[in-house]
C-alpha atoms as a PDB file:
ATOM      1  CA  MET A   1     -32.564  35.148  20.275  1.00  0.00           C
ATOM      2  CA  THR A   2     -31.230  38.338  22.058  1.00  0.00           C
ATOM      3  CA  GLU A   3     -29.428  36.537  25.327  1.00  0.00           C
ATOM      4  CA  LEU A   4     -28.780  33.069  26.356  1.00  0.00           C
ATOM      5  CA  ASP A   5     -31.745  30.976  27.555  1.00  0.00           C
ATOM      6  CA  ILE A   6     -29.976  29.225  30.498  1.00  0.00           C
ATOM      7  CA  PRO A   7     -32.605  26.615  32.582  1.00  0.00           C
ATOM      8  CA  SER A   8     -32.361  26.795  36.275  1.00  0.00           C
ATOM      9  CA  PRO A   9     -30.724  23.916  37.936  1.00  0.00           C
ATOM     10  CA  ALA A  10     -34.272  23.627  39.917  1.00  0.00           C
ATOM     11  CA  SER A  11     -36.040  23.162  36.493  1.00  0.00           C
ATOM     12  CA  LEU A  12     -33.606  20.143  35.604  1.00  0.00           C
ATOM     13  CA  GLU A  13     -34.193  18.551  39.016  1.00  0.00           C
ATOM     14  CA  ILE A  14     -36.343  15.636  37.525  1.00  0.00           C
ATOM     15  CA  LYS A  15     -36.101  11.637  37.947  1.00  0.00           C
ATOM     16  CA  ALA A  16     -35.164  10.779  34.255  1.00  0.00           C
ATOM     17  CA  VAL A  17     -32.375  13.524  33.968  1.00  0.00           C
ATOM     18  CA  TRP A  18     -31.034  12.612  37.275  1.00  0.00           C
ATOM     19  CA  GLN A  19     -30.878   8.837  36.625  1.00  0.00           C
ATOM     20  CA  THR A  20     -29.324   9.405  33.160  1.00  0.00           C
ATOM     21  CA  LEU A  21     -26.739  12.025  34.905  1.00  0.00           C
ATOM     22  CA  ALA A  22     -25.749   8.944  37.378  1.00  0.00           C
ATOM     23  CA  GLU A  23     -25.697   6.624  34.694  1.00  0.00           C
ATOM     24  CA  ALA A  24     -23.407   8.921  32.661  1.00  0.00           C
ATOM     25  CA  HIS A  25     -21.014   9.587  35.496  1.00  0.00           C
ATOM     26  CA  ARG A  26     -20.177   6.056  36.226  1.00  0.00           C
ATOM     27  CA  HIS A  27     -19.459   5.118  32.600  1.00  0.00           C
ATOM     28  CA  LEU A  28     -17.254   8.312  32.271  1.00  0.00           C
ATOM     29  CA  ALA A  29     -15.447   7.464  35.482  1.00  0.00           C
ATOM     30  CA  GLU A  30     -14.674   4.034  34.361  1.00  0.00           C
ATOM     31  CA  LEU A  31     -13.391   5.169  30.798  1.00  0.00           C
ATOM     32  CA  LYS A  32     -11.419   7.884  32.564  1.00  0.00           C
ATOM     33  CA  GLY A  33      -9.641   5.363  35.154  1.00  0.00           C
ATOM     34  CA  LEU A  34      -9.177   2.906  32.352  1.00  0.00           C
ATOM     35  CA  CYS A  35      -7.712   6.020  30.176  1.00  0.00           C
ATOM     36  CA  GLU A  36      -5.202   6.927  33.209  1.00  0.00           C
ATOM     37  CA  ALA A  37      -4.006   3.054  33.691  1.00  0.00           C
ATOM     38  CA  LEU A  38      -2.740   2.923  29.875  1.00  0.00           C
ATOM     39  CA  PRO A  39       1.017   3.009  29.615  1.00  0.00           C
ATOM     40  CA  ASN A  40       0.827   4.662  26.533  1.00  0.00           C
ATOM     41  CA  ARG A  41      -1.863   7.199  26.210  1.00  0.00           C
ATOM     42  CA  ALA A  42      -1.020   9.337  23.552  1.00  0.00           C
ATOM     43  CA  ILE A  43      -1.885   5.997  21.263  1.00  0.00           C
ATOM     44  CA  LEU A  44      -6.058   6.845  22.033  1.00  0.00           C
ATOM     45  CA  LEU A  45      -5.756  10.052  20.868  1.00  0.00           C
ATOM     46  CA  ASP A  46      -3.890   9.317  17.471  1.00  0.00           C
ATOM     47  CA  THR A  47      -6.048   6.360  16.591  1.00  0.00           C
ATOM     48  CA  LEU A  48      -9.499   6.996  18.222  1.00  0.00           C
ATOM     49  CA  SER A  49      -9.316  10.646  16.593  1.00  0.00           C
ATOM     50  CA  VAL A  50      -9.703   9.140  12.922  1.00  0.00           C
ATOM     51  CA  GLN A  51     -12.950   7.809  14.008  1.00  0.00           C
ATOM     52  CA  GLU A  52     -14.685  10.600  15.564  1.00  0.00           C
ATOM     53  CA  ALA A  53     -13.202  12.797  12.854  1.00  0.00           C
ATOM     54  CA  LYS A  54     -15.010  10.164   9.990  1.00  0.00           C
ATOM     55  CA  ASP A  55     -18.143  10.157  12.294  1.00  0.00           C
ATOM     56  CA  SER A  56     -18.557  13.935  13.022  1.00  0.00           C
ATOM     57  CA  SER A  57     -18.198  14.688   9.317  1.00  0.00           C
ATOM     58  CA  GLU A  58     -20.571  12.025   8.464  1.00  0.00           C
ATOM     59  CA  ILE A  59     -23.236  14.342   9.750  1.00  0.00           C
ATOM     60  CA  GLU A  60     -22.463  16.854   7.820  1.00  0.00           C
ATOM     61  CA  ASN A  61     -22.761  14.459   4.886  1.00  0.00           C
ATOM     62  CA  ILE A  62     -18.607  14.229   4.301  1.00  0.00           C
ATOM     63  CA  ILE A  63     -18.329  10.501   3.145  1.00  0.00           C
ATOM     64  CA  THR A  64     -15.235   9.017   3.155  1.00  0.00           C
ATOM     65  CA  THR A  65     -13.690   5.573   4.072  1.00  0.00           C
ATOM     66  CA  HIS A  66     -11.255   4.265   7.226  1.00  0.00           C
ATOM     67  CA  ASP A  67      -8.668   3.209   4.110  1.00  0.00           C
ATOM     68  CA  GLU A  68      -8.461   6.184   2.788  1.00  0.00           C
ATOM     69  CA  LEU A  69      -8.302   8.265   5.688  1.00  0.00           C
ATOM     70  CA  TYR A  70      -5.631   6.015   7.172  1.00  0.00           C
ATOM     71  CA  ILE A  71      -3.432   6.353   3.959  1.00  0.00           C
ATOM     72  CA  TYR A  72      -4.334  10.241   4.160  1.00  0.00           C
ATOM     73  CA  SER A  73      -3.251  10.762   7.576  1.00  0.00           C
ATOM     74  CA  GLN A  74       0.442   9.467   6.326  1.00  0.00           C
ATOM     75  CA  GLY A  75       1.181  11.693   4.011  1.00  0.00           C
ATOM     76  CA  SER A  76      -0.644  10.370   0.456  1.00  0.00           C
ATOM     77  CA  VAL A  77      -3.178  12.153  -1.620  1.00  0.00           C
ATOM     78  CA  ALA A  78      -6.646  11.916  -0.713  1.00  0.00           C
ATOM     79  CA  SER A  79     -10.038  13.215  -1.841  1.00  0.00           C
ATOM     80  CA  PRO A  80     -11.741  16.378  -0.565  1.00  0.00           C
ATOM     81  CA  ALA A  81     -13.792  14.088   1.880  1.00  0.00           C
ATOM     82  CA  ALA A  82     -10.632  12.841   3.374  1.00  0.00           C
ATOM     83  CA  LYS A  83      -9.141  16.271   3.337  1.00  0.00           C
ATOM     84  CA  GLU A  84     -11.804  17.598   5.608  1.00  0.00           C
ATOM     85  CA  VAL A  85     -11.945  14.394   7.950  1.00  0.00           C
ATOM     86  CA  GLN A  86      -8.200  15.302   8.297  1.00  0.00           C
ATOM     87  CA  ASN A  87      -8.915  18.977   8.862  1.00  0.00           C
ATOM     88  CA  TYR A  88     -11.052  17.950  11.690  1.00  0.00           C
ATOM     89  CA  ILE A  89      -8.450  15.973  13.287  1.00  0.00           C
ATOM     90  CA  ALA A  90      -5.903  18.858  13.256  1.00  0.00           C
ATOM     91  CA  ALA A  91      -8.788  21.055  14.718  1.00  0.00           C
ATOM     92  CA  LEU A  92      -9.520  18.724  17.824  1.00  0.00           C
ATOM     93  CA  HIS A  93      -5.572  18.418  18.563  1.00  0.00           C
ATOM     94  CA  THR A  94      -5.141  22.413  18.312  1.00  0.00           C
ATOM     95  CA  GLY A  95      -8.179  22.452  20.704  1.00  0.00           C
ATOM     96  CA  TYR A  96      -6.637  19.956  22.972  1.00  0.00           C
ATOM     97  CA  ARG A  97      -3.107  21.629  23.270  1.00  0.00           C
ATOM     98  CA  GLU A  98      -4.592  24.856  23.872  1.00  0.00           C
ATOM     99  CA  VAL A  99      -7.072  23.437  26.965  1.00  0.00           C
ATOM    100  CA  ARG A 100      -4.096  21.466  28.360  1.00  0.00           C
ATOM    101  CA  GLN A 101      -1.604  24.387  28.560  1.00  0.00           C
ATOM    102  CA  SER A 102      -4.677  27.121  29.680  1.00  0.00           C
ATOM    103  CA  GLY A 103      -7.201  25.218  31.346  1.00  0.00           C
ATOM    104  CA  LEU A 104      -9.498  27.688  29.848  1.00  0.00           C
ATOM    105  CA  ILE A 105     -11.413  27.466  26.717  1.00  0.00           C
ATOM    106  CA  ARG A 106     -11.015  31.052  24.914  1.00  0.00           C
ATOM    107  CA  MET A 107     -12.677  33.084  22.313  1.00  0.00           C
ATOM    108  CA  ASN A 108      -9.504  32.288  20.578  1.00  0.00           C
ATOM    109  CA  THR A 109      -9.477  28.622  20.897  1.00  0.00           C
ATOM    110  CA  ILE A 110     -12.716  28.295  19.703  1.00  0.00           C
ATOM    111  CA  LEU A 111     -11.399  30.851  16.427  1.00  0.00           C
ATOM    112  CA  MET A 112      -8.841  28.102  16.122  1.00  0.00           C
ATOM    113  CA  VAL A 113     -10.642  25.138  15.924  1.00  0.00           C
ATOM    114  CA  GLN A 114     -13.327  26.570  13.492  1.00  0.00           C
ATOM    115  CA  ALA A 115     -10.510  27.697  11.581  1.00  0.00           C
ATOM    116  CA  GLU A 116      -8.662  24.429  11.315  1.00  0.00           C
ATOM    117  CA  VAL A 117     -12.117  22.808  10.611  1.00  0.00           C
ATOM    118  CA  GLU A 118     -12.791  24.813   7.584  1.00  0.00           C
ATOM    119  CA  GLN A 119      -9.166  26.218   6.782  1.00  0.00           C
ATOM    120  CA  ASN A 120      -9.901  29.749   6.304  1.00  0.00           C
ATOM    121  CA  ASN A 121     -10.146  32.465   9.224  1.00  0.00           C
ATOM    122  CA  ALA A 122     -13.610  34.258   8.055  1.00  0.00           C
ATOM    123  CA  GLY A 123     -14.343  34.239  12.000  1.00  0.00           C
ATOM    124  CA  PHE A 124     -17.710  35.089  13.290  1.00  0.00           C
ATOM    125  CA  ARG A 125     -20.790  35.820  10.723  1.00  0.00           C
ATOM    126  CA  LYS A 126     -20.825  39.321   9.825  1.00  0.00           C
ATOM    127  CA  VAL A 127     -23.119  39.403   6.858  1.00  0.00           C
ATOM    128  CA  PRO A 128     -26.756  38.638   7.671  1.00  0.00           C
ATOM    129  CA  GLY A 129     -28.882  35.827   5.855  1.00  0.00           C
ATOM    130  CA  THR A 130     -28.072  32.656   7.578  1.00  0.00           C
ATOM    131  CA  VAL A 131     -30.855  30.679   7.871  1.00  0.00           C
ATOM    132  CA  LEU A 132     -31.495  26.651   8.670  1.00  0.00           C
ATOM    133  CA  LYS A 133     -33.351  24.812   6.390  1.00  0.00           C
ATOM    134  CA  ASN A 134     -34.828  21.342   5.923  1.00  0.00           C
ATOM    135  CA  GLN A 135     -32.701  19.594   3.412  1.00  0.00           C
ATOM    136  CA  ALA A 136     -35.473  17.661   1.919  1.00  0.00           C
ATOM    137  CA  THR A 137     -38.501  20.765   1.768  1.00  0.00           C
ATOM    138  CA  GLY A 138     -36.457  23.523   2.202  1.00  0.00           C
ATOM    139  CA  ALA A 139     -38.785  25.056   4.492  1.00  0.00           C
ATOM    140  CA  THR A 140     -36.792  27.412   7.018  1.00  0.00           C
ATOM    141  CA  ILE A 141     -36.653  25.765  10.505  1.00  0.00           C
ATOM    142  CA  TYR A 142     -34.470  28.214  12.548  1.00  0.00           C
ATOM    143  CA  GLU A 143     -33.058  31.676  12.173  1.00  0.00           C
ATOM    144  CA  PRO A 144     -30.256  32.315  14.053  1.00  0.00           C
ATOM    145  CA  PRO A 145     -28.810  35.765  15.148  1.00  0.00           C
ATOM    146  CA  GLN A 146     -28.056  37.866  12.650  1.00  0.00           C
ATOM    147  CA  ASP A 147     -26.529  41.200  13.793  1.00  0.00           C
ATOM    148  CA  ALA A 148     -22.484  40.594  13.942  1.00  0.00           C
ATOM    149  CA  VAL A 149     -22.311  42.387  17.436  1.00  0.00           C
ATOM    150  CA  LEU A 150     -24.791  40.589  19.104  1.00  0.00           C
ATOM    151  CA  ILE A 151     -22.987  37.278  17.953  1.00  0.00           C
ATOM    152  CA  GLU A 152     -20.224  38.298  19.662  1.00  0.00           C
ATOM    153  CA  LYS A 153     -21.823  39.438  22.801  1.00  0.00           C
ATOM    154  CA  LEU A 154     -23.943  35.942  23.037  1.00  0.00           C
ATOM    155  CA  MET A 155     -20.457  33.961  22.541  1.00  0.00           C
ATOM    156  CA  ALA A 156     -18.755  35.928  25.081  1.00  0.00           C
ATOM    157  CA  ASP A 157     -21.956  35.342  27.391  1.00  0.00           C
ATOM    158  CA  LEU A 158     -21.402  31.414  26.370  1.00  0.00           C
ATOM    159  CA  LEU A 159     -17.866  31.497  27.305  1.00  0.00           C
ATOM    160  CA  VAL A 160     -18.641  33.069  30.674  1.00  0.00           C
ATOM    161  CA  PHE A 161     -21.401  30.179  31.385  1.00  0.00           C
ATOM    162  CA  MET A 162     -18.856  27.551  30.382  1.00  0.00           C
ATOM    163  CA  HIS A 163     -16.428  28.509  32.996  1.00  0.00           C
ATOM    164  CA  GLU A 164     -18.798  29.453  35.704  1.00  0.00           C
ATOM    165  CA  GLU A 165     -18.390  27.206  39.060  1.00  0.00           C
ATOM    166  CA  ASP A 166     -21.768  26.918  40.533  1.00  0.00           C
ATOM    167  CA  GLU A 167     -23.925  24.009  41.535  1.00  0.00           C
ATOM    168  CA  LEU A 168     -24.525  22.929  37.735  1.00  0.00           C
ATOM    169  CA  ASP A 169     -23.363  19.245  37.159  1.00  0.00           C
ATOM    170  CA  PRO A 170     -20.336  19.680  34.382  1.00  0.00           C
ATOM    171  CA  LEU A 171     -22.387  17.042  32.254  1.00  0.00           C
ATOM    172  CA  LEU A 172     -25.493  19.249  31.848  1.00  0.00           C
ATOM    173  CA  ARG A 173     -23.316  22.474  31.584  1.00  0.00           C
ATOM    174  CA  MET A 174     -22.021  20.666  28.444  1.00  0.00           C
ATOM    175  CA  ALA A 175     -25.396  19.626  27.357  1.00  0.00           C
ATOM    176  CA  ILE A 176     -26.584  23.134  27.514  1.00  0.00           C
ATOM    177  CA  ALA A 177     -23.681  24.875  26.191  1.00  0.00           C
ATOM    178  CA  HIS A 178     -23.872  22.638  22.917  1.00  0.00           C
ATOM    179  CA  HIS A 179     -27.457  23.536  22.565  1.00  0.00           C
ATOM    180  CA  GLN A 180     -26.537  27.334  23.032  1.00  0.00           C
ATOM    181  CA  PHE A 181     -23.670  27.370  20.563  1.00  0.00           C
ATOM    182  CA  GLU A 182     -25.589  25.426  18.045  1.00  0.00           C
ATOM    183  CA  SER A 183     -28.401  28.057  18.249  1.00  0.00           C
ATOM    184  CA  ILE A 184     -25.883  30.977  18.281  1.00  0.00           C
ATOM    185  CA  HIS A 185     -24.327  29.020  14.897  1.00  0.00           C
ATOM    186  CA  PRO A 186     -21.802  31.807  15.018  1.00  0.00           C
ATOM    187  CA  PHE A 187     -20.001  31.059  11.839  1.00  0.00           C
ATOM    188  CA  TYR A 188     -20.686  30.612   8.284  1.00  0.00           C
ATOM    189  CA  ASP A 189     -20.018  27.098   7.976  1.00  0.00           C
ATOM    190  CA  GLY A 190     -18.205  24.535  10.505  1.00  0.00           C
ATOM    191  CA  ASN A 191     -20.602  25.095  13.465  1.00  0.00           C
ATOM    192  CA  GLY A 192     -21.548  21.455  13.959  1.00  0.00           C
ATOM    193  CA  ARG A 193     -17.993  20.182  13.627  1.00  0.00           C
ATOM    194  CA  THR A 194     -17.050  23.067  15.876  1.00  0.00           C
ATOM    195  CA  GLY A 195     -19.316  22.332  18.248  1.00  0.00           C
ATOM    196  CA  ARG A 196     -18.952  18.778  18.682  1.00  0.00           C
ATOM    197  CA  ILE A 197     -15.190  19.407  19.732  1.00  0.00           C
ATOM    198  CA  LEU A 198     -16.181  21.903  22.234  1.00  0.00           C
ATOM    199  CA  ASN A 199     -17.898  18.813  23.637  1.00  0.00           C
ATOM    200  CA  LEU A 200     -14.971  17.321  24.366  1.00  0.00           C
ATOM    201  CA  LEU A 201     -13.053  20.226  25.364  1.00  0.00           C
ATOM    202  CA  MET A 202     -15.432  20.926  28.428  1.00  0.00           C
ATOM    203  CA  LEU A 203     -15.051  17.693  29.237  1.00  0.00           C
ATOM    204  CA  GLN A 204     -11.422  17.776  29.512  1.00  0.00           C
ATOM    205  CA  ARG A 205     -11.464  21.319  31.062  1.00  0.00           C
ATOM    206  CA  GLN A 206     -13.683  19.968  33.532  1.00  0.00           C
ATOM    207  CA  GLY A 207     -11.365  16.958  34.715  1.00  0.00           C
ATOM    208  CA  LEU A 208     -13.738  14.431  33.594  1.00  0.00           C
ATOM    209  CA  LEU A 209     -11.120  12.939  31.053  1.00  0.00           C
ATOM    210  CA  ASP A 210      -7.642  13.921  30.746  1.00  0.00           C
ATOM    211  CA  LEU A 211      -7.645  13.255  27.028  1.00  0.00           C
ATOM    212  CA  PRO A 212     -10.593  14.221  24.683  1.00  0.00           C
ATOM    213  CA  VAL A 213     -11.793  10.623  23.516  1.00  0.00           C
ATOM    214  CA  LEU A 214     -15.307  10.799  24.787  1.00  0.00           C
ATOM    215  CA  TYR A 215     -16.520  10.863  20.626  1.00  0.00           C
ATOM    216  CA  LEU A 216     -20.145  11.545  20.834  1.00  0.00           C
ATOM    217  CA  SER A 217     -20.565  11.813  17.006  1.00  0.00           C
ATOM    218  CA  ARG A 218     -21.065   8.309  16.248  1.00  0.00           C
ATOM    219  CA  TYR A 219     -23.896   8.464  18.692  1.00  0.00           C
ATOM    220  CA  ILE A 220     -25.672  11.657  17.317  1.00  0.00           C
ATOM    221  CA  THR A 221     -25.098  10.350  13.759  1.00  0.00           C
ATOM    222  CA  SER A 222     -27.129   7.175  14.601  1.00  0.00           C
ATOM    223  CA  THR A 223     -29.614   9.572  16.179  1.00  0.00           C
ATOM    224  CA  LYS A 224     -29.529  12.447  14.293  1.00  0.00           C
ATOM    225  CA  ASP A 225     -33.050  12.818  13.677  1.00  0.00           C
ATOM    226  CA  GLN A 226     -33.806  12.826  17.044  1.00  0.00           C
ATOM    227  CA  TYR A 227     -30.595  15.334  17.632  1.00  0.00           C
ATOM    228  CA  TYR A 228     -32.160  17.824  15.481  1.00  0.00           C
ATOM    229  CA  ARG A 229     -35.670  17.508  16.599  1.00  0.00           C
ATOM    230  CA  LEU A 230     -34.762  18.159  20.259  1.00  0.00           C
ATOM    231  CA  LEU A 231     -32.691  20.822  19.353  1.00  0.00           C
ATOM    232  CA  GLN A 232     -35.393  22.978  17.678  1.00  0.00           C
ATOM    233  CA  ALA A 233     -38.160  21.651  20.090  1.00  0.00           C
ATOM    234  CA  THR A 234     -36.270  23.104  23.095  1.00  0.00           C
ATOM    235  CA  ARG A 235     -35.768  26.548  21.197  1.00  0.00           C
ATOM    236  CA  GLU A 236     -39.228  26.407  20.942  1.00  0.00           C
ATOM    237  CA  THR A 237     -40.663  25.451  24.008  1.00  0.00           C
ATOM    238  CA  GLY A 238     -37.837  25.977  26.421  1.00  0.00           C
ATOM    239  CA  ASN A 239     -38.128  22.981  28.042  1.00  0.00           C
ATOM    240  CA  TRP A 240     -34.654  21.599  28.596  1.00  0.00           C
ATOM    241  CA  ALA A 241     -35.289  18.337  30.193  1.00  0.00           C
ATOM    242  CA  ASP A 242     -35.551  16.007  26.976  1.00  0.00           C
ATOM    243  CA  TRP A 243     -32.684  17.763  25.182  1.00  0.00           C
ATOM    244  CA  CYS A 244     -30.740  16.928  28.580  1.00  0.00           C
ATOM    245  CA  VAL A 245     -31.515  13.468  28.763  1.00  0.00           C
ATOM    246  CA  TYR A 246     -30.728  12.904  25.334  1.00  0.00           C
ATOM    247  CA  MET A 247     -27.006  14.327  25.615  1.00  0.00           C
ATOM    248  CA  LEU A 248     -26.378  12.808  28.822  1.00  0.00           C
ATOM    249  CA  LYS A 249     -27.846   9.193  27.329  1.00  0.00           C
ATOM    250  CA  GLY A 250     -25.122   9.900  24.638  1.00  0.00           C
ATOM    251  CA  VAL A 251     -22.155  10.180  27.063  1.00  0.00           C
ATOM    252  CA  ALA A 252     -23.174   6.961  28.801  1.00  0.00           C
ATOM    253  CA  VAL A 253     -23.598   4.919  25.899  1.00  0.00           C
ATOM    254  CA  THR A 254     -20.422   6.157  24.205  1.00  0.00           C
ATOM    255  CA  ALA A 255     -18.243   5.985  27.136  1.00  0.00           C
ATOM    256  CA  ARG A 256     -19.488   2.374  27.727  1.00  0.00           C
ATOM    257  CA  SER A 257     -18.738   1.787  24.149  1.00  0.00           C
ATOM    258  CA  GLU A 258     -15.400   3.272  24.515  1.00  0.00           C
ATOM    259  CA  THR A 259     -14.456   1.592  27.440  1.00  0.00           C
ATOM    260  CA  GLY A 260     -15.146  -1.857  25.942  1.00  0.00           C
ATOM    261  CA  LEU A 261     -12.854  -0.728  22.680  1.00  0.00           C
ATOM    262  CA  VAL A 262      -9.973   0.574  25.423  1.00  0.00           C
ATOM    263  CA  LYS A 263     -10.027  -2.703  26.857  1.00  0.00           C
ATOM    264  CA  ASN A 264     -10.020  -4.461  23.647  1.00  0.00           C
ATOM    265  CA  LEU A 265      -7.098  -2.118  22.555  1.00  0.00           C
ATOM    266  CA  ARG A 266      -5.223  -3.022  25.511  1.00  0.00           C
ATOM    267  CA  GLU A 267      -5.627  -6.652  25.149  1.00  0.00           C
ATOM    268  CA  LEU A 268      -4.917  -6.835  21.592  1.00  0.00           C
ATOM    269  CA  MET A 269      -1.456  -4.629  22.220  1.00  0.00           C
ATOM    270  CA  GLN A 270      -0.390  -7.111  25.155  1.00  0.00           C
ATOM    271  CA  ALA A 271      -1.069 -10.342  23.065  1.00  0.00           C
ATOM    272  CA  THR A 272       0.956  -8.463  19.792  1.00  0.00           C
ATOM    273  CA  LYS A 273       3.584  -7.949  22.455  1.00  0.00           C
ATOM    274  CA  HIS A 274       3.959 -11.656  23.840  1.00  0.00           C
ATOM    275  CA  ARG A 275       3.833 -12.607  20.142  1.00  0.00           C
ATOM    276  CA  LEU A 276       6.733  -9.948  19.083  1.00  0.00           C
ATOM    277  CA  ARG A 277       8.907 -11.009  21.880  1.00  0.00           C
ATOM    278  CA  SER A 278       8.560 -14.899  20.770  1.00  0.00           C
ATOM    279  CA  GLU A 279       8.812 -14.841  17.511  1.00  0.00           C
ATOM    280  CA  LEU A 280      11.020 -11.922  16.449  1.00  0.00           C
ATOM    281  CA  PRO A 281      13.102 -10.987  19.628  1.00  0.00           C
ATOM    282  CA  LYS A 282      15.825  -9.805  17.860  1.00  0.00           C
ATOM    283  CA  ILE A 283      13.420  -6.597  16.741  1.00  0.00           C
ATOM    284  CA  TYR A 284      11.343  -6.391  19.347  1.00  0.00           C
ATOM    285  CA  SER A 285      10.854  -2.731  21.158  1.00  0.00           C
ATOM    286  CA  GLN A 286       8.625  -1.145  23.164  1.00  0.00           C
ATOM    287  CA  GLU A 287       8.948   1.684  20.488  1.00  0.00           C
ATOM    288  CA  LEU A 288       8.046  -0.589  17.929  1.00  0.00           C
ATOM    289  CA  LEU A 289       5.046  -1.792  19.132  1.00  0.00           C
ATOM    290  CA  ASN A 290       3.969   1.962  20.143  1.00  0.00           C
ATOM    291  CA  ASN A 291       4.458   2.434  16.182  1.00  0.00           C
ATOM    292  CA  LEU A 292       2.094  -0.358  15.135  1.00  0.00           C
ATOM    293  CA  PHE A 293      -0.711   0.803  17.602  1.00  0.00           C
ATOM    294  CA  ARG A 294      -0.427   4.484  16.530  1.00  0.00           C
ATOM    295  CA  TYR A 295      -0.606   4.200  13.138  1.00  0.00           C
ATOM    296  CA  PRO A 296      -3.036   1.247  11.813  1.00  0.00           C
ATOM    297  CA  TYR A 297      -1.161   1.900   8.276  1.00  0.00           C
ATOM    298  CA  THR A 298       2.498   2.683   9.455  1.00  0.00           C
ATOM    299  CA  LYS A 299       5.306   2.745   6.713  1.00  0.00           C
ATOM    300  CA  ILE A 300       8.910   2.721   6.459  1.00  0.00           C
ATOM    301  CA  GLU A 301       9.662   6.403   7.785  1.00  0.00           C
ATOM    302  CA  PHE A 302       7.683   6.317  10.711  1.00  0.00           C
ATOM    303  CA  VAL A 303       9.286   3.178  11.760  1.00  0.00           C
ATOM    304  CA  GLU A 304      12.617   4.882  10.890  1.00  0.00           C
ATOM    305  CA  ARG A 305      11.945   8.251  13.179  1.00  0.00           C
ATOM    306  CA  ASP A 306      10.113   5.935  15.846  1.00  0.00           C
ATOM    307  CA  ILE A 307      12.815   3.628  16.850  1.00  0.00           C
ATOM    308  CA  GLY A 308      15.649   5.348  15.653  1.00  0.00           C
ATOM    309  CA  VAL A 309      16.884   3.190  12.869  1.00  0.00           C
ATOM    310  CA  SER A 310      18.254   3.573   9.242  1.00  0.00           C
ATOM    311  CA  ARG A 311      15.877   3.223   6.531  1.00  0.00           C
ATOM    312  CA  ILE A 312      17.370  -0.212   5.746  1.00  0.00           C
ATOM    313  CA  THR A 313      16.773  -1.443   9.190  1.00  0.00           C
ATOM    314  CA  ALA A 314      13.265  -0.266   8.953  1.00  0.00           C
ATOM    315  CA  ALA A 315      12.518  -1.717   6.085  1.00  0.00           C
ATOM    316  CA  LYS A 316      13.763  -5.222   6.826  1.00  0.00           C
ATOM    317  CA  HIS A 317      11.884  -4.995  10.331  1.00  0.00           C
ATOM    318  CA  LEU A 318       8.391  -4.435   8.509  1.00  0.00           C
ATOM    319  CA  GLU A 319       9.367  -7.337   5.788  1.00  0.00           C
ATOM    320  CA  ALA A 320       9.915  -9.566   8.865  1.00  0.00           C
ATOM    321  CA  LEU A 321       6.440  -8.268  10.473  1.00  0.00           C
ATOM    322  CA  VAL A 322       4.869  -9.121   7.085  1.00  0.00           C
ATOM    323  CA  GLN A 323       6.333 -12.552   6.755  1.00  0.00           C
ATOM    324  CA  LYS A 324       5.252 -13.346  10.507  1.00  0.00           C
ATOM    325  CA  ASN A 325       1.653 -12.202   9.641  1.00  0.00           C
ATOM    326  CA  PHE A 326       1.729  -8.979  12.166  1.00  0.00           C
ATOM    327  CA  VAL A 327       1.066  -6.476   9.520  1.00  0.00           C
ATOM    328  CA  GLU A 328       0.062  -6.761   5.776  1.00  0.00           C
ATOM    329  CA  LYS A 329       1.715  -4.876   3.236  1.00  0.00           C
ATOM    330  CA  LYS A 330      -0.565  -2.575   0.886  1.00  0.00           C
ATOM    331  CA  LYS A 331       1.223  -0.447  -2.440  1.00  0.00           C
ATOM    332  CA  VAL A 332      -0.636   3.046  -3.018  1.00  0.00           C
ATOM    333  CA  GLY A 333       0.965   4.559  -5.622  1.00  0.00           C
ATOM    334  CA  ARG A 334       4.820   4.697  -4.990  1.00  0.00           C
ATOM    335  CA  THR A 335       4.492   3.841  -1.022  1.00  0.00           C
ATOM    336  CA  ASN A 336       4.116   1.043   0.775  1.00  0.00           C
ATOM    337  CA  PHE A 337       1.731   0.853   3.655  1.00  0.00           C
ATOM    338  CA  TYR A 338       2.090  -1.735   6.412  1.00  0.00           C
ATOM    339  CA  ILE A 339      -1.645  -2.417   7.993  1.00  0.00           C
ATOM    340  CA  ASN A 340      -1.904  -3.716  11.617  1.00  0.00           C
ATOM    341  CA  ARG A 341      -5.452  -5.380  10.360  1.00  0.00           C
ATOM    342  CA  PRO A 342      -6.685  -6.714  13.984  1.00  0.00           C
ATOM    343  CA  LEU A 343      -6.197  -2.801  15.097  1.00  0.00           C
ATOM    344  CA  PHE A 344      -8.062  -1.635  12.064  1.00  0.00           C
ATOM    345  CA  ASN A 345     -10.659  -3.849  12.629  1.00  0.00           C
ATOM    346  CA  LEU A 346     -11.309  -3.042  16.218  1.00  0.00           C
ATOM    347  CA  LEU A 347     -11.267   0.457  15.515  1.00  0.00           C
ATOM    348  CA  THR A 348     -13.777   0.424  12.447  1.00  0.00           C
ATOM    349  CA  GLN A 349     -15.978  -2.329  14.035  1.00  0.00           C
ATOM    350  CA  ILE A 350     -17.245  -0.198  17.327  1.00  0.00           C
ATOM    351  CA  SER A 351     -20.757  -0.856  18.297  1.00  0.00           C
ATOM    352  CA  LEU A 352     -22.648   1.732  20.080  1.00  0.00           C
ATOM    353  CA  GLY A 353     -24.790  -1.249  21.567  1.00  0.00           C
ATOM    354  CA  ASP A 354     -28.672  -0.897  22.448  1.00  0.00           C
ATOM    355  CA  GLY A 355     -27.764   2.108  24.480  1.00  0.00           C
END
């Protein structure tokens, strides 16, 4: 690989690509509109990013539980796997802020995202020897570029491609850019997770989503063999159609699934709001409701901060919520957590359907 192998738009003008592309745009537009209509969109970024981080990390065989993730995200001690997932969440938020502020995906953006994912500043590969192997047989599947100067050039070329304004559809651009990034494999570690975050940042930058909430990692996890097979087949044959259809289908399936999730989240939030007003009118506030939906595992300190009350009042509020079965109390170490069980169940039982 001495230069980016970018397919011509004409080579992708086939029925399967355009049908899947139309479906992907339709479901993505519905998701975007639904997110824009929510009064508290930031809650989506906080709650859904945990699921994305978990699924993305599972592709790298970093396995943890939702309970552990939510507990750790609130400041408790966690396993190395949970810390890896939290690093991914931090990287996603870093990339989101950078793109929102500049409107660009800069080289430094990519470096910052990978540094958060891996918690180091190793930067691009400088020492040759990296190969991708079959985990079962140990056989070499693919050897990415080895020369440090070439890696930097290819990454610079990729950034130019990602920002080009031509007739290429932005979803096809994302699919091609993802393949190229994974083929350049610019880092010693964290390429997969960094590449999956870049997918989100490209959609955000191109205005297809205001928040980076199209989380393709669950789709990739559930089709992992197909993902790696098509990555390699495209390198070997130069036939991009099957790869693009695969990625576009992932966008459509994921957007449809998350549209259902956001609708259910909105309904659950409204139902909880009505119950709170009816059963606990003295403590109800929009800030308290937001707290319960931003943190599936909340605690006294968060309520104290978010609604501006004393620690004693925050504790009383949470105990009242326990008594009325709005939350469940769970002690972990010295800390009491208060679980919004319906929200937790909603976030952890997402189904992609049959595609």
